[in-house]
C-alpha atoms as a PDB file:
ATOM      1  CA  MET A   1     133.482 103.840 102.040  1.00  0.00           C
ATOM      2  CA  TRP A   2     131.207 106.391 102.019  1.00  0.00           C
ATOM      3  CA  PRO A   3     129.016 107.122 104.822  1.00  0.00           C
ATOM      4  CA  PHE A   4     125.645 106.180 103.407  1.00  0.00           C
ATOM      5  CA  SER A   5     122.480 105.988 106.000  1.00  0.00           C
ATOM      6  CA  LYS A   6     118.759 105.423 105.509  1.00  0.00           C
ATOM      7  CA  PRO A   7     116.708 108.476 105.346  1.00  0.00           C
ATOM      8  CA  GLU A   8     114.573 109.373 108.542  1.00  0.00           C
ATOM      9  CA  SER A   9     111.327 108.265 107.787  1.00  0.00           C
ATOM     10  CA  TYR A  10     107.884 107.816 110.579  1.00  0.00           C
ATOM     11  CA  LEU A  11     104.253 106.729 110.027  1.00  0.00           C
ATOM     12  CA  GLY A  12     101.521 109.099 111.661  1.00  0.00           C
ATOM     13  CA  VAL A  13      98.536 107.289 112.269  1.00  0.00           C
ATOM     14  CA  ASP A  14      94.757 108.322 113.424  1.00  0.00           C
ATOM     15  CA  ILE A  15      92.668 105.977 114.556  1.00  0.00           C
ATOM     16  CA  GLY A  16      89.208 107.858 114.653  1.00  0.00           C
ATOM     17  CA  SER A  17      85.756 106.513 114.840  1.00  0.00           C
ATOM     18  CA  HIS A  18      84.924 106.628 110.788  1.00  0.00           C
ATOM     19  CA  GLY A  19      88.441 105.289 110.266  1.00  0.00           C
ATOM     20  CA  ILE A  20      92.038 105.280 110.353  1.00  0.00           C
ATOM     21  CA  LYS A  21      94.042 107.593 108.575  1.00  0.00           C
ATOM     22  CA  VAL A  22      97.979 106.666 108.072  1.00  0.00           C
ATOM     23  CA  VAL A  23     100.624 109.000 106.782  1.00  0.00           C
ATOM     24  CA  GLU A  24     104.760 108.217 105.942  1.00  0.00           C
ATOM     25  CA  ILE A  25     106.975 110.904 105.937  1.00  0.00           C
ATOM     26  CA  ILE A  26     110.659 110.727 105.373  1.00  0.00           C
ATOM     27  CA  LYS A  27     113.069 113.147 105.762  1.00  0.00           C
ATOM     28  CA  ARG A  28     115.410 114.230 102.467  1.00  0.00           C
ATOM     29  CA  GLY A  29     118.359 116.916 103.354  1.00  0.00           C
ATOM     30  CA  LYS A  30     116.695 119.299 105.877  1.00  0.00           C
ATOM     31  CA  ARG A  31     112.836 119.039 104.671  1.00  0.00           C
ATOM     32  CA  PRO A  32     110.248 116.288 105.232  1.00  0.00           C
ATOM     33  CA  HIS A  33     108.900 114.651 102.351  1.00  0.00           C
ATOM     34  CA  LEU A  34     105.525 112.982 101.803  1.00  0.00           C
ATOM     35  CA  PHE A  35     106.568 109.555 100.667  1.00  0.00           C
ATOM     36  CA  THR A  36     103.159 107.483 100.981  1.00  0.00           C
ATOM     37  CA  TYR A  37      99.344 107.764 102.424  1.00  0.00           C
ATOM     38  CA  GLY A  38      96.520 105.744 103.477  1.00  0.00           C
ATOM     39  CA  PHE A  39      93.155 105.093 104.679  1.00  0.00           C
ATOM     40  CA  ALA A  40      90.259 103.030 105.612  1.00  0.00           C
ATOM     41  CA  ASP A  41      86.360 103.987 105.997  1.00  0.00           C
ATOM     42  CA  GLU A  42      85.215 101.960 109.115  1.00  0.00           C
ATOM     43  CA  SER A  43      83.231 103.078 111.848  1.00  0.00           C
ATOM     44  CA  ILE A  44      85.208 102.332 114.883  1.00  0.00           C
ATOM     45  CA  ALA A  45      84.228 102.528 118.701  1.00  0.00           C
ATOM     46  CA  ILE A  46      86.233 104.695 120.484  1.00  0.00           C
ATOM     47  CA  HIS A  47      84.519 105.747 123.733  1.00  0.00           C
ATOM     48  CA  ALA A  48      86.090 108.817 126.089  1.00  0.00           C
ATOM     49  CA  ASP A  49      85.658 106.401 129.200  1.00  0.00           C
ATOM     50  CA  SER A  50      88.564 103.931 127.349  1.00  0.00           C
ATOM     51  CA  GLU A  51      86.749 100.830 128.218  1.00  0.00           C
ATOM     52  CA  GLN A  52      85.285 100.291 124.726  1.00  0.00           C
ATOM     53  CA  LEU A  53      87.749 100.280 122.131  1.00  0.00           C
ATOM     54  CA  LEU A  54      85.852  97.786 119.761  1.00  0.00           C
ATOM     55  CA  ASP A  55      87.987  94.771 118.509  1.00  0.00           C
ATOM     56  CA  VAL A  56      91.317  95.216 118.725  1.00  0.00           C
ATOM     57  CA  ASP A  57      92.216  91.986 116.708  1.00  0.00           C
ATOM     58  CA  HIS A  58      89.980  93.757 114.071  1.00  0.00           C
ATOM     59  CA  VAL A  59      91.704  97.561 114.238  1.00  0.00           C
ATOM     60  CA  GLY A  60      95.338  96.169 114.482  1.00  0.00           C
ATOM     61  CA  ALA A  61      94.379  93.839 111.207  1.00  0.00           C
ATOM     62  CA  LEU A  62      92.908  96.942 109.517  1.00  0.00           C
ATOM     63  CA  LEU A  63      95.717  99.041 109.763  1.00  0.00           C
ATOM     64  CA  LYS A  64      98.546  96.390 108.869  1.00  0.00           C
ATOM     65  CA  GLN A  65      96.254  95.927 105.965  1.00  0.00           C
ATOM     66  CA  ILE A  66      96.464  99.890 105.353  1.00  0.00           C
ATOM     67  CA  CYS A  67      99.982  99.898 105.793  1.00  0.00           C
ATOM     68  CA  LEU A  68     100.065  96.787 103.285  1.00  0.00           C
ATOM     69  CA  LYS A  69      98.249  98.907 100.628  1.00  0.00           C
ATOM     70  CA  SER A  70      99.747 102.070 100.674  1.00  0.00           C
ATOM     71  CA  LYS A  71     103.353 100.610 100.685  1.00  0.00           C
ATOM     72  CA  THR A  72     104.502 102.066 103.672  1.00  0.00           C
ATOM     73  CA  VAL A  73     108.113 101.074 104.885  1.00  0.00           C
ATOM     74  CA  SER A  74     109.039 102.774 108.373  1.00  0.00           C
ATOM     75  CA  LYS A  75     107.688 100.315 111.203  1.00  0.00           C
ATOM     76  CA  ARG A  76     108.207 103.557 113.925  1.00  0.00           C
ATOM     77  CA  ALA A  77     105.017 105.226 114.498  1.00  0.00           C
ATOM     78  CA  PHE A  78     103.094 108.400 116.558  1.00  0.00           C
ATOM     79  CA  ALA A  79      99.991 107.629 117.230  1.00  0.00           C
ATOM     80  CA  SER A  80      97.010 110.106 118.305  1.00  0.00           C
ATOM     81  CA  LEU A  81      94.733 109.667 121.310  1.00  0.00           C
ATOM     82  CA  PRO A  82      91.309 111.004 120.483  1.00  0.00           C
ATOM     83  CA  ALA A  83      90.513 114.221 122.329  1.00  0.00           C
ATOM     84  CA  ALA A  84      87.999 113.549 124.101  1.00  0.00           C
ATOM     85  CA  ALA A  85      89.778 110.697 125.668  1.00  0.00           C
ATOM     86  CA  VAL A  86      92.453 112.386 126.984  1.00  0.00           C
ATOM     87  CA  TYR A  87      91.979 115.060 129.835  1.00  0.00           C
ATOM     88  CA  SER A  88      94.176 118.135 129.282  1.00  0.00           C
ATOM     89  CA  GLY A  89      94.881 120.883 131.237  1.00  0.00           C
ATOM     90  CA  TYR A  90      96.698 124.453 132.213  1.00  0.00           C
ATOM     91  CA  PHE A  91      97.139 124.948 135.579  1.00  0.00           C
ATOM     92  CA  THR A  92      98.807 127.419 137.760  1.00  0.00           C
ATOM     93  CA  ILE A  93     100.604 125.918 140.803  1.00  0.00           C
ATOM     94  CA  PRO A  94     102.822 126.424 143.488  1.00  0.00           C
ATOM     95  CA  ALA A  95     106.484 126.609 143.055  1.00  0.00           C
ATOM     96  CA  LEU A  96     107.547 123.179 144.390  1.00  0.00           C
ATOM     97  CA  LYS A  97     110.464 120.566 144.122  1.00  0.00           C
ATOM     98  CA  LYS A  98     110.002 118.097 141.659  1.00  0.00           C
ATOM     99  CA  GLU A  99     108.927 115.159 144.087  1.00  0.00           C
ATOM    100  CA  GLU A 100     106.346 117.592 145.859  1.00  0.00           C
ATOM    101  CA  LYS A 101     105.072 118.655 142.649  1.00  0.00           C
ATOM    102  CA  GLN A 102     104.285 115.155 141.276  1.00  0.00           C
ATOM    103  CA  LEU A 103     101.669 114.926 144.253  1.00  0.00           C
ATOM    104  CA  PHE A 104     100.198 118.214 144.202  1.00  0.00           C
ATOM    105  CA  VAL A 105      99.630 117.613 140.434  1.00  0.00           C
ATOM    106  CA  GLU A 106      98.184 114.067 140.859  1.00  0.00           C
ATOM    107  CA  ARG A 107      96.112 115.247 143.603  1.00  0.00           C
ATOM    108  CA  GLU A 108      94.815 118.545 141.702  1.00  0.00           C
ATOM    109  CA  VAL A 109      94.082 116.393 138.616  1.00  0.00           C
ATOM    110  CA  SER A 110      92.304 113.658 140.637  1.00  0.00           C
ATOM    111  CA  LYS A 111      89.251 115.969 141.057  1.00  0.00           C
ATOM    112  CA  PHE A 112      88.667 116.519 137.496  1.00  0.00           C
ATOM    113  CA  LEU A 113      88.812 112.216 136.147  1.00  0.00           C
ATOM    114  CA  LYS A 114      86.580 109.759 135.349  1.00  0.00           C
ATOM    115  CA  GLN A 115      88.526 106.853 136.737  1.00  0.00           C
ATOM    116  CA  PRO A 116      91.151 107.257 139.265  1.00  0.00           C
ATOM    117  CA  ILE A 117      94.479 107.779 139.493  1.00  0.00           C
ATOM    118  CA  VAL A 118      95.857 104.293 139.910  1.00  0.00           C
ATOM    119  CA  ASP A 119      94.090 103.728 136.277  1.00  0.00           C
ATOM    120  CA  THR A 120      95.687 106.816 134.848  1.00  0.00           C
ATOM    121  CA  ALA A 121      98.892 107.386 132.646  1.00  0.00           C
ATOM    122  CA  LEU A 122      99.681 111.008 133.809  1.00  0.00           C
ATOM    123  CA  ASP A 123     101.865 113.761 131.925  1.00  0.00           C
ATOM    124  CA  TRP A 124     102.810 117.247 132.880  1.00  0.00           C
ATOM    125  CA  LYS A 125     105.061 119.720 131.925  1.00  0.00           C
ATOM    126  CA  VAL A 126     106.180 123.374 132.623  1.00  0.00           C
ATOM    127  CA  ILE A 127     104.957 125.704 130.261  1.00  0.00           C
ATOM    128  CA  GLN A 128     106.176 129.101 132.535  1.00  0.00           C
ATOM    129  CA  PRO A 129     108.521 128.273 135.216  1.00  0.00           C
ATOM    130  CA  ALA A 130     108.322 130.610 138.506  1.00  0.00           C
ATOM    131  CA  LYS A 131     110.177 133.798 137.871  1.00  0.00           C
ATOM    132  CA  LYS A 132     113.421 133.956 139.649  1.00  0.00           C
ATOM    133  CA  SER A 133     114.101 136.479 141.884  1.00  0.00           C
ATOM    134  CA  LYS A 134     116.827 139.160 141.361  1.00  0.00           C
ATOM    135  CA  ASP A 135     116.259 140.479 145.138  1.00  0.00           C
ATOM    136  CA  ALA A 136     119.024 138.877 147.623  1.00  0.00           C
ATOM    137  CA  LYS A 137     116.792 139.602 150.355  1.00  0.00           C
ATOM    138  CA  GLU A 138     114.050 137.045 149.259  1.00  0.00           C
ATOM    139  CA  THR A 139     111.937 136.172 152.111  1.00  0.00           C
ATOM    140  CA  GLU A 140     109.999 132.699 152.725  1.00  0.00           C
ATOM    141  CA  GLU A 141     107.361 134.258 151.991  1.00  0.00           C
ATOM    142  CA  ASP A 142     108.221 135.633 148.755  1.00  0.00           C
ATOM    143  CA  LYS A 143     109.227 131.836 147.791  1.00  0.00           C
ATOM    144  CA  ARG A 144     105.589 130.552 148.641  1.00  0.00           C
ATOM    145  CA  ASN A 145     104.404 132.691 146.561  1.00  0.00           C
ATOM    146  CA  LYS A 146     105.850 132.184 143.685  1.00  0.00           C
ATOM    147  CA  VAL A 147     103.669 130.129 140.991  1.00  0.00           C
ATOM    148  CA  GLU A 148     104.369 128.296 137.638  1.00  0.00           C
ATOM    149  CA  HIS A 149     102.429 126.990 134.601  1.00  0.00           C
ATOM    150  CA  ILE A 150     101.855 123.948 133.458  1.00  0.00           C
ATOM    151  CA  LEU A 151      99.831 121.711 130.987  1.00  0.00           C
ATOM    152  CA  VAL A 152      98.547 118.487 132.006  1.00  0.00           C
ATOM    153  CA  THR A 153      97.623 115.563 130.157  1.00  0.00           C
ATOM    154  CA  ALA A 154      96.247 112.368 131.525  1.00  0.00           C
ATOM    155  CA  THR A 155      94.419 109.323 130.097  1.00  0.00           C
ATOM    156  CA  SER A 156      93.281 105.717 130.951  1.00  0.00           C
ATOM    157  CA  LYS A 157      96.109 102.865 131.480  1.00  0.00           C
ATOM    158  CA  LYS A 158      93.909 101.011 129.606  1.00  0.00           C
ATOM    159  CA  LEU A 159      93.325 102.471 126.393  1.00  0.00           C
ATOM    160  CA  ILE A 160      96.921 102.797 126.100  1.00  0.00           C
ATOM    161  CA  ALA A 161      97.234  99.376 126.623  1.00  0.00           C
ATOM    162  CA  ALA A 162      94.728  98.714 123.997  1.00  0.00           C
ATOM    163  CA  TYR A 163      96.597 100.706 121.416  1.00  0.00           C
ATOM    164  CA  THR A 164      99.837  99.392 122.317  1.00  0.00           C
ATOM    165  CA  GLU A 165      98.413  95.774 121.502  1.00  0.00           C
ATOM    166  CA  ILE A 166      96.589  97.243 118.342  1.00  0.00           C
ATOM    167  CA  PHE A 167     100.185  98.529 116.990  1.00  0.00           C
ATOM    168  CA  ARG A 168     102.052  94.726 118.128  1.00  0.00           C
ATOM    169  CA  ILE A 169      99.687  92.975 115.697  1.00  0.00           C
ATOM    170  CA  ALA A 170      99.990  95.635 112.935  1.00  0.00           C
ATOM    171  CA  GLY A 171     103.532  94.442 113.200  1.00  0.00           C
ATOM    172  CA  LEU A 172     104.308  98.155 113.742  1.00  0.00           C
ATOM    173  CA  GLN A 173     106.770  99.799 116.665  1.00  0.00           C
ATOM    174  CA  LEU A 174     104.627 102.490 118.559  1.00  0.00           C
ATOM    175  CA  LEU A 175     106.827 105.173 119.998  1.00  0.00           C
ATOM    176  CA  SER A 176     104.755 107.563 121.413  1.00  0.00           C
ATOM    177  CA  LEU A 177     100.925 108.617 122.221  1.00  0.00           C
ATOM    178  CA  GLU A 178      99.558 112.048 122.177  1.00  0.00           C
ATOM    179  CA  SER A 179      96.250 113.841 122.215  1.00  0.00           C
ATOM    180  CA  GLU A 180      95.132 114.105 118.217  1.00  0.00           C
ATOM    181  CA  VAL A 181      95.206 118.146 119.391  1.00  0.00           C
ATOM    182  CA  PHE A 182      99.167 118.112 119.107  1.00  0.00           C
ATOM    183  CA  GLY A 183      99.101 116.560 115.565  1.00  0.00           C
ATOM    184  CA  LEU A 184      96.733 119.560 114.849  1.00  0.00           C
ATOM    185  CA  ILE A 185      99.067 122.153 115.926  1.00  0.00           C
ATOM    186  CA  THR A 186     102.170 120.595 114.230  1.00  0.00           C
ATOM    187  CA  ALA A 187     100.303 120.427 111.308  1.00  0.00           C
ATOM    188  CA  LEU A 188      98.235 123.634 111.001  1.00  0.00           C
ATOM    189  CA  VAL A 189      99.818 126.007 113.558  1.00  0.00           C
ATOM    190  CA  GLY A 190     103.670 125.112 113.087  1.00  0.00           C
ATOM    191  CA  THR A 191     105.848 127.780 115.342  1.00  0.00           C
ATOM    192  CA  ASP A 192     103.239 130.400 115.072  1.00  0.00           C
ATOM    193  CA  PRO A 193     102.855 131.985 118.832  1.00  0.00           C
ATOM    194  CA  SER A 194      99.573 133.855 117.939  1.00  0.00           C
ATOM    195  CA  PRO A 195      96.468 132.753 119.275  1.00  0.00           C
ATOM    196  CA  ALA A 196      94.238 130.424 117.235  1.00  0.00           C
ATOM    197  CA  LEU A 197      91.353 128.766 117.454  1.00  0.00           C
ATOM    198  CA  LEU A 198      91.271 125.461 115.757  1.00  0.00           C
ATOM    199  CA  ILE A 199      87.887 123.631 114.750  1.00  0.00           C
ATOM    200  CA  ASP A 200      88.554 119.731 114.152  1.00  0.00           C
ATOM    201  CA  MET A 201      84.856 119.094 112.265  1.00  0.00           C
ATOM    202  CA  GLY A 202      84.678 114.936 112.343  1.00  0.00           C
ATOM    203  CA  GLY A 203      82.022 113.044 111.382  1.00  0.00           C
ATOM    204  CA  GLU A 204      80.092 112.354 114.628  1.00  0.00           C
ATOM    205  CA  GLN A 205      81.509 115.409 116.680  1.00  0.00           C
ATOM    206  CA  THR A 206      83.282 119.177 116.100  1.00  0.00           C
ATOM    207  CA  ASP A 207      86.478 119.588 118.514  1.00  0.00           C
ATOM    208  CA  PHE A 208      87.301 123.516 119.759  1.00  0.00           C
ATOM    209  CA  PHE A 209      90.831 124.171 120.765  1.00  0.00           C
ATOM    210  CA  ILE A 210      92.203 127.237 121.558  1.00  0.00           C
ATOM    211  CA  VAL A 211      95.968 127.322 121.190  1.00  0.00           C
ATOM    212  CA  ASP A 212      98.020 130.123 122.655  1.00  0.00           C
ATOM    213  CA  GLU A 213     102.076 130.209 122.135  1.00  0.00           C
ATOM    214  CA  GLY A 214     101.627 126.275 120.532  1.00  0.00           C
ATOM    215  CA  VAL A 215     100.155 125.159 123.617  1.00  0.00           C
ATOM    216  CA  PRO A 216      96.077 124.283 124.123  1.00  0.00           C
ATOM    217  CA  ILE A 217      94.884 125.969 126.342  1.00  0.00           C
ATOM    218  CA  PHE A 218      90.842 125.601 125.759  1.00  0.00           C
ATOM    219  CA  PHE A 219      88.745 122.391 124.622  1.00  0.00           C
ATOM    220  CA  ARG A 220      85.523 121.740 124.308  1.00  0.00           C
ATOM    221  CA  SER A 221      83.343 119.088 121.750  1.00  0.00           C
ATOM    222  CA  VAL A 222      79.813 119.319 120.572  1.00  0.00           C
ATOM    223  CA  ASN A 223      78.065 116.305 119.273  1.00  0.00           C
ATOM    224  CA  ILE A 224      77.912 117.604 115.636  1.00  0.00           C
ATOM    225  CA  GLY A 225      79.330 116.255 112.602  1.00  0.00           C
ATOM    226  CA  GLY A 226      79.673 115.836 108.860  1.00  0.00           C
ATOM    227  CA  ARG A 227      76.965 112.470 109.636  1.00  0.00           C
ATOM    228  CA  GLN A 228      74.455 114.877 111.188  1.00  0.00           C
ATOM    229  CA  CYS A 229      74.195 117.139 108.010  1.00  0.00           C
ATOM    230  CA  THR A 230      73.863 114.348 105.794  1.00  0.00           C
ATOM    231  CA  GLU A 231      70.800 112.826 108.081  1.00  0.00           C
ATOM    232  CA  VAL A 232      69.612 116.413 107.931  1.00  0.00           C
ATOM    233  CA  ILE A 233      69.781 116.293 104.114  1.00  0.00           C
ATOM    234  CA  ALA A 234      67.948 112.848 103.939  1.00  0.00           C
ATOM    235  CA  ALA A 235      65.026 113.513 106.267  1.00  0.00           C
ATOM    236  CA  GLN A 236      64.150 116.783 103.993  1.00  0.00           C
ATOM    237  CA  LEU A 237      64.575 115.323 100.823  1.00  0.00           C
ATOM    238  CA  GLY A 238      63.304 111.596 101.893  1.00  0.00           C
ATOM    239  CA  LEU A 239      66.987 109.699 100.345  1.00  0.00           C
ATOM    240  CA  ASP A 240      68.803 107.216 102.714  1.00  0.00           C
ATOM    241  CA  MET A 241      72.544 108.368 103.851  1.00  0.00           C
ATOM    242  CA  SER A 242      74.239 107.236 101.026  1.00  0.00           C
ATOM    243  CA  GLN A 243      72.007 108.954  98.811  1.00  0.00           C
ATOM    244  CA  ALA A 244      71.800 112.489 101.259  1.00  0.00           C
ATOM    245  CA  GLU A 245      75.791 111.856 100.991  1.00  0.00           C
ATOM    246  CA  ALA A 246      76.056 112.421  97.087  1.00  0.00           C
ATOM    247  CA  VAL A 247      73.447 114.675  97.288  1.00  0.00           C
ATOM    248  CA  LYS A 248      75.483 116.881  99.908  1.00  0.00           C
ATOM    249  CA  ARG A 249      78.634 116.442  97.550  1.00  0.00           C
ATOM    250  CA  ASP A 250      76.538 117.951  94.605  1.00  0.00           C
ATOM    251  CA  MET A 251      74.981 120.873  96.110  1.00  0.00           C
ATOM    252  CA  ALA A 252      78.666 121.297  97.640  1.00  0.00           C
ATOM    253  CA  ALA A 253      79.548 121.757  94.021  1.00  0.00           C
ATOM    254  CA  GLU A 254      76.740 124.146  92.675  1.00  0.00           C
ATOM    255  CA  HIS A 255      76.668 127.688  92.661  1.00  0.00           C
ATOM    256  CA  GLY A 256      79.799 127.712  95.265  1.00  0.00           C
ATOM    257  CA  GLY A 257      77.603 125.737  97.436  1.00  0.00           C
ATOM    258  CA  ASP A 258      75.063 128.879  98.585  1.00  0.00           C
ATOM    259  CA  ALA A 259      72.228 126.516  98.709  1.00  0.00           C
ATOM    260  CA  LEU A 260      73.711 123.490 100.823  1.00  0.00           C
ATOM    261  CA  LEU A 261      74.700 125.988 103.093  1.00  0.00           C
ATOM    262  CA  ASN A 262      70.912 127.313 103.822  1.00  0.00           C
ATOM    263  CA  LEU A 263      69.971 123.891 104.113  1.00  0.00           C
ATOM    264  CA  LEU A 264      72.057 123.316 107.129  1.00  0.00           C
ATOM    265  CA  LYS A 265      72.303 126.847 108.858  1.00  0.00           C
ATOM    266  CA  LYS A 266      69.788 125.707 111.615  1.00  0.00           C
ATOM    267  CA  THR A 267      72.043 122.510 112.177  1.00  0.00           C
ATOM    268  CA  LEU A 268      75.618 124.306 112.456  1.00  0.00           C
ATOM    269  CA  GLU A 269      74.118 127.300 114.484  1.00  0.00           C
ATOM    270  CA  PRO A 270      74.959 125.151 117.811  1.00  0.00           C
ATOM    271  CA  LEU A 271      78.951 125.165 116.217  1.00  0.00           C
ATOM    272  CA  VAL A 272      79.122 129.253 115.389  1.00  0.00           C
ATOM    273  CA  GLU A 273      77.072 129.256 119.588  1.00  0.00           C
ATOM    274  CA  GLU A 274      80.497 127.173 120.513  1.00  0.00           C
ATOM    275  CA  VAL A 275      82.642 129.295 118.868  1.00  0.00           C
ATOM    276  CA  ASN A 276      81.136 132.610 120.387  1.00  0.00           C
ATOM    277  CA  TYR A 277      81.603 130.919 123.901  1.00  0.00           C
ATOM    278  CA  SER A 278      85.474 129.707 122.988  1.00  0.00           C
ATOM    279  CA  LEU A 279      86.028 133.303 122.334  1.00  0.00           C
ATOM    280  CA  GLU A 280      84.679 134.621 125.231  1.00  0.00           C
ATOM    281  CA  ILE A 281      86.476 132.077 127.404  1.00  0.00           C
ATOM    282  CA  TYR A 282      89.678 132.759 126.341  1.00  0.00           C
ATOM    283  CA  THR A 283      89.240 136.456 126.774  1.00  0.00           C
ATOM    284  CA  LYS A 284      87.950 135.823 130.456  1.00  0.00           C
ATOM    285  CA  GLN A 285      91.481 133.861 130.907  1.00  0.00           C
ATOM    286  CA  LYS A 286      93.293 136.827 129.771  1.00  0.00           C
ATOM    287  CA  GLU A 287      91.524 139.257 131.775  1.00  0.00           C
ATOM    288  CA  GLN A 288      91.245 141.860 128.508  1.00  0.00           C
ATOM    289  CA  GLU A 289      88.332 142.260 127.206  1.00  0.00           C
ATOM    290  CA  THR A 290      90.070 143.188 123.380  1.00  0.00           C
ATOM    291  CA  ALA A 291      91.728 139.228 123.741  1.00  0.00           C
ATOM    292  CA  ARG A 292      91.128 137.362 120.912  1.00  0.00           C
ATOM    293  CA  PRO A 293      92.246 134.229 118.898  1.00  0.00           C
ATOM    294  CA  GLU A 294      93.750 135.962 115.952  1.00  0.00           C
ATOM    295  CA  LYS A 295      92.764 133.518 113.617  1.00  0.00           C
ATOM    296  CA  ILE A 296      90.337 130.605 112.972  1.00  0.00           C
ATOM    297  CA  ILE A 297      91.310 127.181 111.264  1.00  0.00           C
ATOM    298  CA  LEU A 298      89.089 124.703 110.048  1.00  0.00           C
ATOM    299  CA  THR A 299      90.277 121.286 109.550  1.00  0.00           C
ATOM    300  CA  GLY A 300      88.577 117.478 109.828  1.00  0.00           C
ATOM    301  CA  GLY A 301      86.158 115.424 107.522  1.00  0.00           C
ATOM    302  CA  ALA A 302      83.484 118.430 107.432  1.00  0.00           C
ATOM    303  CA  ALA A 303      85.637 121.473 106.956  1.00  0.00           C
ATOM    304  CA  LEU A 304      84.914 121.851 103.431  1.00  0.00           C
ATOM    305  CA  LEU A 305      81.368 122.665 103.993  1.00  0.00           C
ATOM    306  CA  PRO A 306      81.185 125.422 101.367  1.00  0.00           C
ATOM    307  CA  LYS A 307      81.424 129.151 102.640  1.00  0.00           C
ATOM    308  CA  PHE A 308      81.138 127.890 106.418  1.00  0.00           C
ATOM    309  CA  ASP A 309      84.540 129.589 106.606  1.00  0.00           C
ATOM    310  CA  THR A 310      83.008 132.915 105.067  1.00  0.00           C
ATOM    311  CA  LEU A 311      79.863 132.502 107.647  1.00  0.00           C
ATOM    312  CA  LEU A 312      82.630 132.445 110.550  1.00  0.00           C
ATOM    313  CA  SER A 313      84.694 135.287 109.389  1.00  0.00           C
ATOM    314  CA  ASP A 314      81.637 137.685 108.540  1.00  0.00           C
ATOM    315  CA  ARG A 315      80.122 136.937 112.159  1.00  0.00           C
ATOM    316  CA  PHE A 316      83.185 137.256 114.195  1.00  0.00           C
ATOM    317  CA  SER A 317      85.233 139.585 112.174  1.00  0.00           C
ATOM    318  CA  ILE A 318      88.203 136.779 112.759  1.00  0.00           C
ATOM    319  CA  LYS A 319      90.113 135.530 109.642  1.00  0.00           C
ATOM    320  CA  THR A 320      88.954 131.972 109.300  1.00  0.00           C
ATOM    321  CA  TYR A 321      89.806 129.115 106.722  1.00  0.00           C
ATOM    322  CA  VAL A 322      90.724 125.808 106.178  1.00  0.00           C
ATOM    323  CA  GLY A 323      93.877 124.628 107.372  1.00  0.00           C
ATOM    324  CA  ASP A 324      96.372 123.183 104.670  1.00  0.00           C
ATOM    325  CA  PRO A 325      98.720 120.532 106.364  1.00  0.00           C
ATOM    326  CA  TRP A 326     100.764 119.419 102.990  1.00  0.00           C
ATOM    327  CA  SER A 327     101.961 123.415 103.171  1.00  0.00           C
ATOM    328  CA  ARG A 328     104.662 121.842 105.762  1.00  0.00           C
ATOM    329  CA  VAL A 329     105.647 118.762 103.608  1.00  0.00           C
ATOM    330  CA  ILE A 330     107.392 118.371  99.964  1.00  0.00           C
ATOM    331  CA  TYR A 331     104.791 116.140  97.808  1.00  0.00           C
ATOM    332  CA  ASP A 332     104.615 115.476  93.893  1.00  0.00           C
ATOM    333  CA  PRO A 333     102.980 118.426  92.480  1.00  0.00           C
ATOM    334  CA  GLU A 334     100.323 115.731  90.323  1.00  0.00           C
ATOM    335  CA  LEU A 335      98.999 114.739  93.773  1.00  0.00           C
ATOM    336  CA  GLN A 336      98.292 118.329  94.460  1.00  0.00           C
ATOM    337  CA  PRO A 337      94.277 117.910  93.798  1.00  0.00           C
ATOM    338  CA  VAL A 338      93.933 114.425  95.851  1.00  0.00           C
ATOM    339  CA  LEU A 339      95.856 116.127  98.433  1.00  0.00           C
ATOM    340  CA  GLU A 340      93.546 119.218  98.332  1.00  0.00           C
ATOM    341  CA  SER A 341      90.566 117.174  98.578  1.00  0.00           C
ATOM    342  CA  ILE A 342      91.815 115.034 101.469  1.00  0.00           C
ATOM    343  CA  GLY A 343      94.003 117.183 103.347  1.00  0.00           C
ATOM    344  CA  PRO A 344      91.504 118.382 106.377  1.00  0.00           C
ATOM    345  CA  ARG A 345      90.967 114.461 106.972  1.00  0.00           C
ATOM    346  CA  PHE A 346      94.844 113.784 107.288  1.00  0.00           C
ATOM    347  CA  ALA A 347      95.421 116.745 109.377  1.00  0.00           C
ATOM    348  CA  VAL A 348      95.779 114.443 112.385  1.00  0.00           C
ATOM    349  CA  ALA A 349      97.983 111.794 110.627  1.00  0.00           C
ATOM    350  CA  LEU A 350     100.615 114.214 109.297  1.00  0.00           C
ATOM    351  CA  GLY A 351     100.736 116.011 112.431  1.00  0.00           C
ATOM    352  CA  MET A 352     102.015 113.070 114.763  1.00  0.00           C
ATOM    353  CA  ALA A 353     104.410 111.779 111.729  1.00  0.00           C
ATOM    354  CA  LEU A 354     106.315 115.519 111.362  1.00  0.00           C
ATOM    355  CA  ARG A 355     106.513 115.645 115.616  1.00  0.00           C
ATOM    356  CA  ARG A 356     109.677 113.926 115.726  1.00  0.00           C
ATOM    357  CA  LEU A 357     111.079 115.375 112.234  1.00  0.00           C
ATOM    358  CA  LEU A 358     110.669 118.762 113.682  1.00  0.00           C
ATOM    359  CA  LYS A 359     111.782 117.608 116.665  1.00  0.00           C
ATOM    360  CA  LEU A 360     108.432 118.710 118.569  1.00  0.00           C
ATOM    361  CA  SER A 361     107.646 114.774 120.249  1.00  0.00           C
ATOM    362  CA  LYS A 362     108.385 113.864 123.865  1.00  0.00           C
ATOM    363  CA  VAL A 363     110.504 110.964 122.754  1.00  0.00           C
END
């Protein structure tokens, strides 16, 4: 008999404050193909303290409904955790034995956590191991002075339990939970080792990540997003939020979006200042005055704000553009206009689905 086998396929799931996005990717040959996608726009209360993931039963039922409507086939899912709910740190530590290293990491990380270490799911991996000495006369002091660089991620066990229950209710097998930044890196950066600043512009907040050699080394968040922009339009024009949202779309399409950008410049200025701060931090970390990310990549639902990429490019003289997550998958060409319009919103979900197929997941 011919050895037929089912193509490998996975779901990527992004549960955010403004809804749920689901992407199913299937591997045909050596290339990942878009099989289906779905979403639901609905406010979901996910708090960084992880104590208040609102209505697990409802979120699980909503996720199940999305999968049914979009006709997903795979039950195997990779999901993202909100960056604000995950502690990420880049540490330089002494070169220790594995058991000693675990205790050292727990002790150091506990200083930065909101909850006790016993209530925390902690994960770490060595990014840059200690250099091996070629000197046969290496002293004990030389050994003690060796260091290695590790990436640490930590989140509340209660949040993990809540997500696990959501996927059980949805009838899905949750294979892995990772910070959303890893989905963004997979979808927008790939294997490019050059430093980049990722700006994820959501409905309620904007997240800033600096990625160097595929590793997130910096994270900041500002409570300004698409909703705040809509509120400014509503206040200035005397409209309700739904009317203001429609006006925002119309203004974005008129005259290249110049009028909209001018209207929102004051609202967007804190984001521009945060970019400047992120660049300064990177320069200090590298201890080189000329060290800067090579590019700025915009993503998230508010990333399509006209001319914002040009504003940042002109201000900082760094190539800035809206990332295209679909560039790493094959899809029906007839879907291109739709996928281009929703791409920034689906970067995290798509990246999570791709991680296993591209062998980037820990599972």
